[in-house]
Amino acid sequence: QVQLVESGGGLVQAGGSLRLSCAASGRTRSTYAMGWFRQAPGKEREFVAATKWSGTTYYLDYADSVKGRFTISRDNAKNTVYLQMNSLKPEDTAVYYCAGGFYYMSGPRESDFGSWGQGTQVTVSS
């Protein structure tokens, strides 16, 4: 089993930046795929960004709404995945969840990830 703990959320003005971190512990070898999802009030949880290891290459995937603004990265030595969020907009306000899984094919879905963190709140003021 993998435990995931997010940090780095907070309140920021529109146009600002935040970096979220997700520290993994436990059976981290089962987390070749790591991702970020978010859930805004009254809305369903949605995919934000993910990275997967193919055996030779790391692939990065992003939701269209965050492409060019958000960057996902991972530090395997620290078992940590990051989400750098720049040019934040009020519509980015949500609880952000870190997720870990073995693999995904394309268009990462919640069902591809078996481990989830508790979430961290990101609020962007206008």
Foldseek 3Di string as FASTA:
>chain_A
DKAKAKDWADEEAAQAKIKMKIFIDDPLQFFQKKFKWWDDPPGDIGGAKMWGDPPPDIDIDGDPVQPPFWDWDDDVVRNMIMIIGGRDDQVVWTWMKMFGGNDDDDPDDPVRTDYIYPTDTHGYHD
